[in-house]
Amino acid sequence: MSKFGDLINLDVPVLLDFYTDWDESSTVMSPILKDVAAAIGDKGKVIKIDVDKNVMLANALRVKSLPTLILYKNGEMVWRKSGEEDANTLINLIQQHLQEEI
């Protein structure tokens, strides 16, 4: 779990995508998240977490449906949603959390 703590304790927004390769909605989100990552560059991070390989973490965060998107800033969960989301919404969300540090 310390690796997870290091991952979310960054001073930039960190968007976690809990997914599986066999889930259709997770597959739909993959190119969207690539677009988000490209748009935010080094001002944030987008990290995919395969729930089949990270069962304990998914259970600890109560991930019940896929995909589940969670945004962290400075180690705190600031937003969470289960299901698909569009790139513009995610980019705007990350930008809002960038503005808070100014």
PDB file of N, CA and C in Angstrom:
ATOM      1  N   MET A   1       0.819  -1.201   0.000  1.00  0.00           N
ATOM      2  CA  MET A   1       0.000   0.000   0.000  1.00  0.00           C
ATOM      3  C   MET A   1       0.858   1.257   0.000  1.00  0.00           C
ATOM      4  N   SER A   2       2.140   1.161   0.419  1.00  0.00           N
ATOM      5  CA  SER A   2       2.986   2.351   0.431  1.00  0.00           C
ATOM      6  C   SER A   2       3.241   2.845  -0.989  1.00  0.00           C
ATOM      7  N   LYS A   3       3.324   1.947  -1.955  1.00  0.00           N
ATOM      8  CA  LYS A   3       3.469   2.373  -3.341  1.00  0.00           C
ATOM      9  C   LYS A   3       2.254   3.197  -3.759  1.00  0.00           C
ATOM     10  N   PHE A   4       1.075   2.784  -3.334  1.00  0.00           N
ATOM     11  CA  PHE A   4      -0.134   3.524  -3.649  1.00  0.00           C
ATOM     12  C   PHE A   4      -0.082   4.903  -3.010  1.00  0.00           C
ATOM     13  N   GLY A   5       0.369   4.978  -1.768  1.00  0.00           N
ATOM     14  CA  GLY A   5       0.497   6.264  -1.092  1.00  0.00           C
ATOM     15  C   GLY A   5       1.434   7.193  -1.832  1.00  0.00           C
ATOM     16  N   ASP A   6       2.549   6.659  -2.313  1.00  0.00           N
ATOM     17  CA  ASP A   6       3.482   7.470  -3.094  1.00  0.00           C
ATOM     18  C   ASP A   6       2.824   7.966  -4.378  1.00  0.00           C
ATOM     19  N   LEU A   7       1.999   7.131  -4.957  1.00  0.00           N
ATOM     20  CA  LEU A   7       1.338   7.445  -6.213  1.00  0.00           C
ATOM     21  C   LEU A   7       0.349   8.607  -6.075  1.00  0.00           C
ATOM     22  N   ILE A   8      -0.422   8.606  -5.004  1.00  0.00           N
ATOM     23  CA  ILE A   8      -1.468   9.628  -4.859  1.00  0.00           C
ATOM     24  C   ILE A   8      -1.011  10.860  -4.093  1.00  0.00           C
ATOM     25  N   ASN A   9       0.161  10.832  -3.490  1.00  0.00           N
ATOM     26  CA  ASN A   9       0.643  11.962  -2.710  1.00  0.00           C
ATOM     27  C   ASN A   9       1.414  12.984  -3.529  1.00  0.00           C
ATOM     28  N   LEU A  10       1.193  13.015  -4.810  1.00  0.00           N
ATOM     29  CA  LEU A  10       1.858  13.982  -5.665  1.00  0.00           C
ATOM     30  C   LEU A  10       1.174  15.341  -5.530  1.00  0.00           C
ATOM     31  N   ASP A  11       1.912  16.407  -5.855  1.00  0.00           N
ATOM     32  CA  ASP A  11       1.307  17.735  -5.775  1.00  0.00           C
ATOM     33  C   ASP A  11       0.582  18.113  -7.066  1.00  0.00           C
ATOM     34  N   VAL A  12       0.474  17.173  -7.986  1.00  0.00           N
ATOM     35  CA  VAL A  12      -0.338  17.364  -9.187  1.00  0.00           C
ATOM     36  C   VAL A  12      -1.535  16.419  -9.097  1.00  0.00           C
ATOM     37  N   PRO A  13      -2.628  16.749  -9.781  1.00  0.00           N
ATOM     38  CA  PRO A  13      -3.776  15.845  -9.771  1.00  0.00           C
ATOM     39  C   PRO A  13      -3.415  14.490 -10.383  1.00  0.00           C
ATOM     40  N   VAL A  14      -3.911  13.424  -9.755  1.00  0.00           N
ATOM     41  CA  VAL A  14      -3.672  12.058 -10.223  1.00  0.00           C
ATOM     42  C   VAL A  14      -5.032  11.409 -10.452  1.00  0.00           C
ATOM     43  N   LEU A  15      -5.320  11.098 -11.721  1.00  0.00           N
ATOM     44  CA  LEU A  15      -6.572  10.443 -12.071  1.00  0.00           C
ATOM     45  C   LEU A  15      -6.315   8.952 -12.212  1.00  0.00           C
ATOM     46  N   LEU A  16      -6.975   8.171 -11.366  1.00  0.00           N
ATOM     47  CA  LEU A  16      -6.853   6.718 -11.406  1.00  0.00           C
ATOM     48  C   LEU A  16      -8.043   6.139 -12.150  1.00  0.00           C
ATOM     49  N   ASP A  17      -7.750   5.217 -13.047  1.00  0.00           N
ATOM     50  CA  ASP A  17      -8.771   4.503 -13.799  1.00  0.00           C
ATOM     51  C   ASP A  17      -8.718   3.042 -13.391  1.00  0.00           C
ATOM     52  N   PHE A  18      -9.711   2.603 -12.624  1.00  0.00           N
ATOM     53  CA  PHE A  18      -9.810   1.191 -12.244  1.00  0.00           C
ATOM     54  C   PHE A  18     -10.589   0.490 -13.349  1.00  0.00           C
ATOM     55  N   TYR A  19      -9.948  -0.492 -13.981  1.00  0.00           N
ATOM     56  CA  TYR A  19     -10.500  -1.110 -15.177  1.00  0.00           C
ATOM     57  C   TYR A  19     -10.163  -2.612 -15.212  1.00  0.00           C
ATOM     58  N   THR A  20     -10.724  -3.282 -16.219  1.00  0.00           N
ATOM     59  CA  THR A  20     -10.281  -4.620 -16.612  1.00  0.00           C
ATOM     60  C   THR A  20     -10.280  -4.672 -18.130  1.00  0.00           C
ATOM     61  N   ASP A  21      -9.499  -5.584 -18.671  1.00  0.00           N
ATOM     62  CA  ASP A  21      -9.442  -5.732 -20.129  1.00  0.00           C
ATOM     63  C   ASP A  21     -10.722  -6.328 -20.699  1.00  0.00           C
ATOM     64  N   TRP A  22     -11.481  -7.054 -19.880  1.00  0.00           N
ATOM     65  CA  TRP A  22     -12.679  -7.732 -20.376  1.00  0.00           C
ATOM     66  C   TRP A  22     -13.946  -6.882 -20.258  1.00  0.00           C
ATOM     67  N   ASP A  23     -13.861  -5.716 -19.617  1.00  0.00           N
ATOM     68  CA  ASP A  23     -15.037  -4.857 -19.437  1.00  0.00           C
ATOM     69  C   ASP A  23     -15.164  -3.892 -20.617  1.00  0.00           C
ATOM     70  N   GLU A  24     -16.305  -3.901 -21.277  1.00  0.00           N
ATOM     71  CA  GLU A  24     -16.520  -3.080 -22.474  1.00  0.00           C
ATOM     72  C   GLU A  24     -16.397  -1.587 -22.178  1.00  0.00           C
ATOM     73  N   SER A  25     -16.976  -1.114 -21.083  1.00  0.00           N
ATOM     74  CA  SER A  25     -16.879   0.309 -20.737  1.00  0.00           C
ATOM     75  C   SER A  25     -15.438   0.716 -20.457  1.00  0.00           C
ATOM     76  N   SER A  26     -14.672  -0.167 -19.839  1.00  0.00           N
ATOM     77  CA  SER A  26     -13.254   0.107 -19.598  1.00  0.00           C
ATOM     78  C   SER A  26     -12.513   0.262 -20.921  1.00  0.00           C
ATOM     79  N   THR A  27     -12.856  -0.570 -21.885  1.00  0.00           N
ATOM     80  CA  THR A  27     -12.234  -0.504 -23.204  1.00  0.00           C
ATOM     81  C   THR A  27     -12.579   0.809 -23.906  1.00  0.00           C
ATOM     82  N   VAL A  28     -13.822   1.257 -23.746  1.00  0.00           N
ATOM     83  CA  VAL A  28     -14.254   2.525 -24.330  1.00  0.00           C
ATOM     84  C   VAL A  28     -13.459   3.690 -23.732  1.00  0.00           C
ATOM     85  N   MET A  29     -13.160   3.623 -22.442  1.00  0.00           N
ATOM     86  CA  MET A  29     -12.464   4.712 -21.759  1.00  0.00           C
ATOM     87  C   MET A  29     -10.982   4.805 -22.116  1.00  0.00           C
ATOM     88  N   SER A  30     -10.392   3.738 -22.576  1.00  0.00           N
ATOM     89  CA  SER A  30      -8.950   3.722 -22.822  1.00  0.00           C
ATOM     90  C   SER A  30      -8.470   4.847 -23.748  1.00  0.00           C
ATOM     91  N   PRO A  31      -9.051   5.016 -24.956  1.00  0.00           N
ATOM     92  CA  PRO A  31      -8.581   6.113 -25.814  1.00  0.00           C
ATOM     93  C   PRO A  31      -8.929   7.494 -25.252  1.00  0.00           C
ATOM     94  N   ILE A  32     -10.023   7.582 -24.528  1.00  0.00           N
ATOM     95  CA  ILE A  32     -10.408   8.856 -23.903  1.00  0.00           C
ATOM     96  C   ILE A  32      -9.352   9.261 -22.884  1.00  0.00           C
ATOM     97  N   LEU A  33      -8.908   8.311 -22.077  1.00  0.00           N
ATOM     98  CA  LEU A  33      -7.898   8.609 -21.065  1.00  0.00           C
ATOM     99  C   LEU A  33      -6.540   8.937 -21.686  1.00  0.00           C
ATOM    100  N   LYS A  34      -6.242   8.340 -22.829  1.00  0.00           N
ATOM    101  CA  LYS A  34      -5.014   8.705 -23.545  1.00  0.00           C
ATOM    102  C   LYS A  34      -5.079  10.161 -23.993  1.00  0.00           C
ATOM    103  N   ASP A  35      -6.251  10.584 -24.478  1.00  0.00           N
ATOM    104  CA  ASP A  35      -6.441  11.982 -24.875  1.00  0.00           C
ATOM    105  C   ASP A  35      -6.297  12.922 -23.681  1.00  0.00           C
ATOM    106  N   VAL A  36      -6.856  12.526 -22.541  1.00  0.00           N
ATOM    107  CA  VAL A  36      -6.755  13.331 -21.328  1.00  0.00           C
ATOM    108  C   VAL A  36      -5.295  13.473 -20.911  1.00  0.00           C
ATOM    109  N   ALA A  37      -4.576  12.358 -20.898  1.00  0.00           N
ATOM    110  CA  ALA A  37      -3.163  12.376 -20.514  1.00  0.00           C
ATOM    111  C   ALA A  37      -2.361  13.289 -21.444  1.00  0.00           C
ATOM    112  N   ALA A  38      -2.639  13.222 -22.742  1.00  0.00           N
ATOM    113  CA  ALA A  38      -1.930  14.069 -23.704  1.00  0.00           C
ATOM    114  C   ALA A  38      -2.262  15.549 -23.472  1.00  0.00           C
ATOM    115  N   ALA A  39      -3.510  15.840 -23.160  1.00  0.00           N
ATOM    116  CA  ALA A  39      -3.940  17.223 -22.969  1.00  0.00           C
ATOM    117  C   ALA A  39      -3.347  17.854 -21.709  1.00  0.00           C
ATOM    118  N   ILE A  40      -3.225  17.076 -20.629  1.00  0.00           N
ATOM    119  CA  ILE A  40      -2.730  17.660 -19.377  1.00  0.00           C
ATOM    120  C   ILE A  40      -1.210  17.624 -19.275  1.00  0.00           C
ATOM    121  N   GLY A  41      -0.576  16.792 -20.077  1.00  0.00           N
ATOM    122  CA  GLY A  41       0.887  16.730 -20.072  1.00  0.00           C
ATOM    123  C   GLY A  41       1.438  16.434 -18.691  1.00  0.00           C
ATOM    124  N   ASP A  42       2.446  17.199 -18.277  1.00  0.00           N
ATOM    125  CA  ASP A  42       3.081  16.955 -16.976  1.00  0.00           C
ATOM    126  C   ASP A  42       2.405  17.700 -15.831  1.00  0.00           C
ATOM    127  N   LYS A  43       1.237  18.296 -16.097  1.00  0.00           N
ATOM    128  CA  LYS A  43       0.497  19.007 -15.045  1.00  0.00           C
ATOM    129  C   LYS A  43      -0.371  18.068 -14.225  1.00  0.00           C
ATOM    130  N   GLY A  44      -0.396  16.803 -14.595  1.00  0.00           N
ATOM    131  CA  GLY A  44      -1.171  15.803 -13.887  1.00  0.00           C
ATOM    132  C   GLY A  44      -0.772  14.427 -14.378  1.00  0.00           C
ATOM    133  N   LYS A  45      -1.374  13.413 -13.786  1.00  0.00           N
ATOM    134  CA  LYS A  45      -1.078  12.034 -14.184  1.00  0.00           C
ATOM    135  C   LYS A  45      -2.389  11.272 -14.359  1.00  0.00           C
ATOM    136  N   VAL A  46      -2.381  10.379 -15.343  1.00  0.00           N
ATOM    137  CA  VAL A  46      -3.485   9.445 -15.545  1.00  0.00           C
ATOM    138  C   VAL A  46      -2.881   8.057 -15.412  1.00  0.00           C
ATOM    139  N   ILE A  47      -3.412   7.279 -14.464  1.00  0.00           N
ATOM    140  CA  ILE A  47      -2.853   5.964 -14.175  1.00  0.00           C
ATOM    141  C   ILE A  47      -3.957   4.916 -14.237  1.00  0.00           C
ATOM    142  N   LYS A  48      -3.715   3.874 -15.028  1.00  0.00           N
ATOM    143  CA  LYS A  48      -4.668   2.779 -15.157  1.00  0.00           C
ATOM    144  C   LYS A  48      -4.304   1.689 -14.152  1.00  0.00           C
ATOM    145  N   ILE A  49      -5.304   1.195 -13.435  1.00  0.00           N
ATOM    146  CA  ILE A  49      -5.094   0.137 -12.452  1.00  0.00           C
ATOM    147  C   ILE A  49      -6.038  -1.019 -12.772  1.00  0.00           C
ATOM    148  N   ASP A  50      -5.466  -2.137 -13.162  1.00  0.00           N
ATOM    149  CA  ASP A  50      -6.227  -3.342 -13.499  1.00  0.00           C
ATOM    150  C   ASP A  50      -6.718  -3.984 -12.197  1.00  0.00           C
ATOM    151  N   VAL A  51      -8.039  -4.007 -12.011  1.00  0.00           N
ATOM    152  CA  VAL A  51      -8.578  -4.546 -10.758  1.00  0.00           C
ATOM    153  C   VAL A  51      -8.334  -6.041 -10.608  1.00  0.00           C
ATOM    154  N   ASP A  52      -8.179  -6.761 -11.720  1.00  0.00           N
ATOM    155  CA  ASP A  52      -7.888  -8.187 -11.625  1.00  0.00           C
ATOM    156  C   ASP A  52      -6.498  -8.436 -11.050  1.00  0.00           C
ATOM    157  N   LYS A  53      -5.581  -7.496 -11.243  1.00  0.00           N
ATOM    158  CA  LYS A  53      -4.218  -7.623 -10.731  1.00  0.00           C
ATOM    159  C   LYS A  53      -4.022  -6.880  -9.415  1.00  0.00           C
ATOM    160  N   ASN A  54      -4.990  -6.087  -9.018  1.00  0.00           N
ATOM    161  CA  ASN A  54      -4.893  -5.266  -7.795  1.00  0.00           C
ATOM    162  C   ASN A  54      -6.174  -5.393  -6.978  1.00  0.00           C
ATOM    163  N   VAL A  55      -6.535  -6.627  -6.680  1.00  0.00           N
ATOM    164  CA  VAL A  55      -7.801  -6.927  -6.004  1.00  0.00           C
ATOM    165  C   VAL A  55      -7.870  -6.268  -4.625  1.00  0.00           C
ATOM    166  N   MET A  56      -6.791  -6.340  -3.860  1.00  0.00           N
ATOM    167  CA  MET A  56      -6.809  -5.772  -2.499  1.00  0.00           C
ATOM    168  C   MET A  56      -7.020  -4.257  -2.534  1.00  0.00           C
ATOM    169  N   LEU A  57      -6.360  -3.576  -3.451  1.00  0.00           N
ATOM    170  CA  LEU A  57      -6.526  -2.128  -3.566  1.00  0.00           C
ATOM    171  C   LEU A  57      -7.946  -1.782  -3.997  1.00  0.00           C
ATOM    172  N   ALA A  58      -8.455  -2.484  -4.993  1.00  0.00           N
ATOM    173  CA  ALA A  58      -9.823  -2.244  -5.455  1.00  0.00           C
ATOM    174  C   ALA A  58     -10.828  -2.466  -4.328  1.00  0.00           C
ATOM    175  N   ASN A  59     -10.628  -3.502  -3.545  1.00  0.00           N
ATOM    176  CA  ASN A  59     -11.521  -3.760  -2.409  1.00  0.00           C
ATOM    177  C   ASN A  59     -11.390  -2.673  -1.348  1.00  0.00           C
ATOM    178  N   ALA A  60     -10.158  -2.255  -1.069  1.00  0.00           N
ATOM    179  CA  ALA A  60      -9.934  -1.215  -0.053  1.00  0.00           C
ATOM    180  C   ALA A  60     -10.607   0.103  -0.440  1.00  0.00           C
ATOM    181  N   LEU A  61     -10.663   0.381  -1.741  1.00  0.00           N
ATOM    182  CA  LEU A  61     -11.296   1.618  -2.212  1.00  0.00           C
ATOM    183  C   LEU A  61     -12.757   1.409  -2.604  1.00  0.00           C
ATOM    184  N   ARG A  62     -13.258   0.215  -2.340  1.00  0.00           N
ATOM    185  CA  ARG A  62     -14.663  -0.132  -2.604  1.00  0.00           C
ATOM    186  C   ARG A  62     -15.058   0.090  -4.061  1.00  0.00           C
ATOM    187  N   VAL A  63     -14.191  -0.342  -4.957  1.00  0.00           N
ATOM    188  CA  VAL A  63     -14.493  -0.278  -6.386  1.00  0.00           C
ATOM    189  C   VAL A  63     -15.466  -1.410  -6.695  1.00  0.00           C
ATOM    190  N   LYS A  64     -16.704  -1.050  -7.033  1.00  0.00           N
ATOM    191  CA  LYS A  64     -17.754  -2.043  -7.257  1.00  0.00           C
ATOM    192  C   LYS A  64     -18.152  -2.171  -8.717  1.00  0.00           C
ATOM    193  N   SER A  65     -17.934  -1.107  -9.518  1.00  0.00           N
ATOM    194  CA  SER A  65     -18.288  -1.169 -10.934  1.00  0.00           C
ATOM    195  C   SER A  65     -17.156  -0.573 -11.757  1.00  0.00           C
ATOM    196  N   LEU A  66     -17.164  -0.928 -13.032  1.00  0.00           N
ATOM    197  CA  LEU A  66     -16.068  -0.527 -13.909  1.00  0.00           C
ATOM    198  C   LEU A  66     -16.586   0.278 -15.091  1.00  0.00           C
ATOM    199  N   PRO A  67     -15.804   1.200 -15.558  1.00  0.00           N
ATOM    200  CA  PRO A  67     -14.609   1.700 -14.885  1.00  0.00           C
ATOM    201  C   PRO A  67     -14.996   2.581 -13.697  1.00  0.00           C
ATOM    202  N   THR A  68     -14.104   2.695 -12.735  1.00  0.00           N
ATOM    203  CA  THR A  68     -14.244   3.667 -11.658  1.00  0.00           C
ATOM    204  C   THR A  68     -13.072   4.632 -11.792  1.00  0.00           C
ATOM    205  N   LEU A  69     -13.394   5.910 -11.836  1.00  0.00           N
ATOM    206  CA  LEU A  69     -12.395   6.969 -11.960  1.00  0.00           C
ATOM    207  C   LEU A  69     -12.318   7.707 -10.638  1.00  0.00           C
ATOM    208  N   ILE A  70     -11.106   7.890 -10.115  1.00  0.00           N
ATOM    209  CA  ILE A  70     -10.908   8.599  -8.856  1.00  0.00           C
ATOM    210  C   ILE A  70      -9.792   9.620  -9.060  1.00  0.00           C
ATOM    211  N   LEU A  71     -10.060  10.858  -8.666  1.00  0.00           N
ATOM    212  CA  LEU A  71      -9.057  11.914  -8.773  1.00  0.00           C
ATOM    213  C   LEU A  71      -8.528  12.229  -7.382  1.00  0.00           C
ATOM    214  N   TYR A  72      -7.203  12.192  -7.257  1.00  0.00           N
ATOM    215  CA  TYR A  72      -6.520  12.530  -6.013  1.00  0.00           C
ATOM    216  C   TYR A  72      -5.690  13.783  -6.214  1.00  0.00           C
ATOM    217  N   LYS A  73      -5.570  14.568  -5.160  1.00  0.00           N
ATOM    218  CA  LYS A  73      -4.672  15.720  -5.146  1.00  0.00           C
ATOM    219  C   LYS A  73      -4.043  15.776  -3.765  1.00  0.00           C
ATOM    220  N   ASN A  74      -2.725  15.750  -3.709  1.00  0.00           N
ATOM    221  CA  ASN A  74      -1.993  15.771  -2.433  1.00  0.00           C
ATOM    222  C   ASN A  74      -2.457  14.671  -1.485  1.00  0.00           C
ATOM    223  N   GLY A  75      -2.750  13.502  -2.020  1.00  0.00           N
ATOM    224  CA  GLY A  75      -3.131  12.359  -1.203  1.00  0.00           C
ATOM    225  C   GLY A  75      -4.589  12.304  -0.803  1.00  0.00           C
ATOM    226  N   GLU A  76      -5.374  13.299  -1.199  1.00  0.00           N
ATOM    227  CA  GLU A  76      -6.796  13.325  -0.844  1.00  0.00           C
ATOM    228  C   GLU A  76      -7.659  13.049  -2.064  1.00  0.00           C
ATOM    229  N   MET A  77      -8.685  12.211  -1.876  1.00  0.00           N
ATOM    230  CA  MET A  77      -9.641  11.966  -2.940  1.00  0.00           C
ATOM    231  C   MET A  77     -10.506  13.223  -3.090  1.00  0.00           C
ATOM    232  N   VAL A  78     -10.523  13.790  -4.301  1.00  0.00           N
ATOM    233  CA  VAL A  78     -11.286  15.018  -4.516  1.00  0.00           C
ATOM    234  C   VAL A  78     -12.476  14.814  -5.458  1.00  0.00           C
ATOM    235  N   TRP A  79     -12.513  13.639  -6.127  1.00  0.00           N
ATOM    236  CA  TRP A  79     -13.613  13.353  -7.046  1.00  0.00           C
ATOM    237  C   TRP A  79     -13.609  11.866  -7.349  1.00  0.00           C
ATOM    238  N   ARG A  80     -14.814  11.342  -7.570  1.00  0.00           N
ATOM    239  CA  ARG A  80     -14.939   9.914  -7.875  1.00  0.00           C
ATOM    240  C   ARG A  80     -16.188   9.700  -8.707  1.00  0.00           C
ATOM    241  N   LYS A  81     -16.083   8.802  -9.687  1.00  0.00           N
ATOM    242  CA  LYS A  81     -17.243   8.455 -10.507  1.00  0.00           C
ATOM    243  C   LYS A  81     -17.076   7.051 -11.049  1.00  0.00           C
ATOM    244  N   SER A  82     -18.155   6.302 -11.064  1.00  0.00           N
ATOM    245  CA  SER A  82     -18.169   4.997 -11.726  1.00  0.00           C
ATOM    246  C   SER A  82     -18.876   5.171 -13.058  1.00  0.00           C
ATOM    247  N   GLY A  83     -18.323   4.555 -14.091  1.00  0.00           N
ATOM    248  CA  GLY A  83     -18.913   4.648 -15.418  1.00  0.00           C
ATOM    249  C   GLY A  83     -18.065   5.504 -16.347  1.00  0.00           C
ATOM    250  N   GLU A  84     -18.550   5.618 -17.565  1.00  0.00           N
ATOM    251  CA  GLU A  84     -17.805   6.344 -18.586  1.00  0.00           C
ATOM    252  C   GLU A  84     -17.923   7.854 -18.374  1.00  0.00           C
ATOM    253  N   GLU A  85     -16.904   8.567 -18.834  1.00  0.00           N
ATOM    254  CA  GLU A  85     -16.886  10.032 -18.778  1.00  0.00           C
ATOM    255  C   GLU A  85     -16.173  10.528 -20.022  1.00  0.00           C
ATOM    256  N   ASP A  86     -16.541  11.716 -20.500  1.00  0.00           N
ATOM    257  CA  ASP A  86     -15.906  12.231 -21.707  1.00  0.00           C
ATOM    258  C   ASP A  86     -14.613  12.976 -21.377  1.00  0.00           C
ATOM    259  N   ALA A  87     -13.760  13.113 -22.376  1.00  0.00           N
ATOM    260  CA  ALA A  87     -12.433  13.708 -22.191  1.00  0.00           C
ATOM    261  C   ALA A  87     -12.518  15.151 -21.701  1.00  0.00           C
ATOM    262  N   ASN A  88     -13.409  15.953 -22.289  1.00  0.00           N
ATOM    263  CA  ASN A  88     -13.500  17.373 -21.898  1.00  0.00           C
ATOM    264  C   ASN A  88     -13.860  17.531 -20.431  1.00  0.00           C
ATOM    265  N   THR A  89     -14.779  16.741 -19.955  1.00  0.00           N
ATOM    266  CA  THR A  89     -15.166  16.800 -18.544  1.00  0.00           C
ATOM    267  C   THR A  89     -13.975  16.470 -17.650  1.00  0.00           C
ATOM    268  N   LEU A  90     -13.234  15.428 -18.002  1.00  0.00           N
ATOM    269  CA  LEU A  90     -12.084  15.024 -17.192  1.00  0.00           C
ATOM    270  C   LEU A  90     -10.967  16.074 -17.245  1.00  0.00           C
ATOM    271  N   ILE A  91     -10.721  16.629 -18.409  1.00  0.00           N
ATOM    272  CA  ILE A  91      -9.696  17.670 -18.538  1.00  0.00           C
ATOM    273  C   ILE A  91     -10.076  18.887 -17.708  1.00  0.00           C
ATOM    274  N   ASN A  92     -11.333  19.315 -17.804  1.00  0.00           N
ATOM    275  CA  ASN A  92     -11.806  20.463 -17.009  1.00  0.00           C
ATOM    276  C   ASN A  92     -11.698  20.198 -15.519  1.00  0.00           C
ATOM    277  N   LEU A  93     -12.029  18.996 -15.113  1.00  0.00           N
ATOM    278  CA  LEU A  93     -11.940  18.612 -13.705  1.00  0.00           C
ATOM    279  C   LEU A  93     -10.503  18.717 -13.208  1.00  0.00           C
ATOM    280  N   ILE A  94      -9.578  18.193 -13.980  1.00  0.00           N
ATOM    281  CA  ILE A  94      -8.161  18.253 -13.592  1.00  0.00           C
ATOM    282  C   ILE A  94      -7.689  19.699 -13.564  1.00  0.00           C
ATOM    283  N   GLN A  95      -8.096  20.502 -14.550  1.00  0.00           N
ATOM    284  CA  GLN A  95      -7.702  21.916 -14.575  1.00  0.00           C
ATOM    285  C   GLN A  95      -8.230  22.676 -13.369  1.00  0.00           C
ATOM    286  N   GLN A  96      -9.420  22.351 -12.905  1.00  0.00           N
ATOM    287  CA  GLN A  96      -9.977  22.994 -11.703  1.00  0.00           C
ATOM    288  C   GLN A  96      -9.051  22.760 -10.506  1.00  0.00           C
ATOM    289  N   HIS A  97      -8.514  21.580 -10.401  1.00  0.00           N
ATOM    290  CA  HIS A  97      -7.652  21.257  -9.268  1.00  0.00           C
ATOM    291  C   HIS A  97      -6.247  21.818  -9.443  1.00  0.00           C
ATOM    292  N   LEU A  98      -5.893  22.172 -10.650  1.00  0.00           N
ATOM    293  CA  LEU A  98      -4.640  22.891 -10.874  1.00  0.00           C
ATOM    294  C   LEU A  98      -4.786  24.324 -10.395  1.00  0.00           C
ATOM    295  N   GLN A  99      -5.929  24.932 -10.664  1.00  0.00           N
ATOM    296  CA  GLN A  99      -6.179  26.328 -10.297  1.00  0.00           C
ATOM    297  C   GLN A  99      -6.193  26.532  -8.788  1.00  0.00           C
ATOM    298  N   GLU A 100      -6.567  25.512  -8.038  1.00  0.00           N
ATOM    299  CA  GLU A 100      -6.656  25.645  -6.585  1.00  0.00           C
ATOM    300  C   GLU A 100      -5.294  25.895  -5.953  1.00  0.00           C
ATOM    301  N   GLU A 101      -4.214  25.481  -6.616  1.00  0.00           N
ATOM    302  CA  GLU A 101      -2.895  25.633  -6.007  1.00  0.00           C
ATOM    303  C   GLU A 101      -2.259  26.979  -6.334  1.00  0.00           C
ATOM    304  N   ILE A 102      -2.872  27.754  -7.211  1.00  0.00           N
ATOM    305  CA  ILE A 102      -2.311  29.050  -7.588  1.00  0.00           C
ATOM    306  C   ILE A 102      -2.567  30.093  -6.515  1.00  0.00           C
TER     307      ILE A 102
END
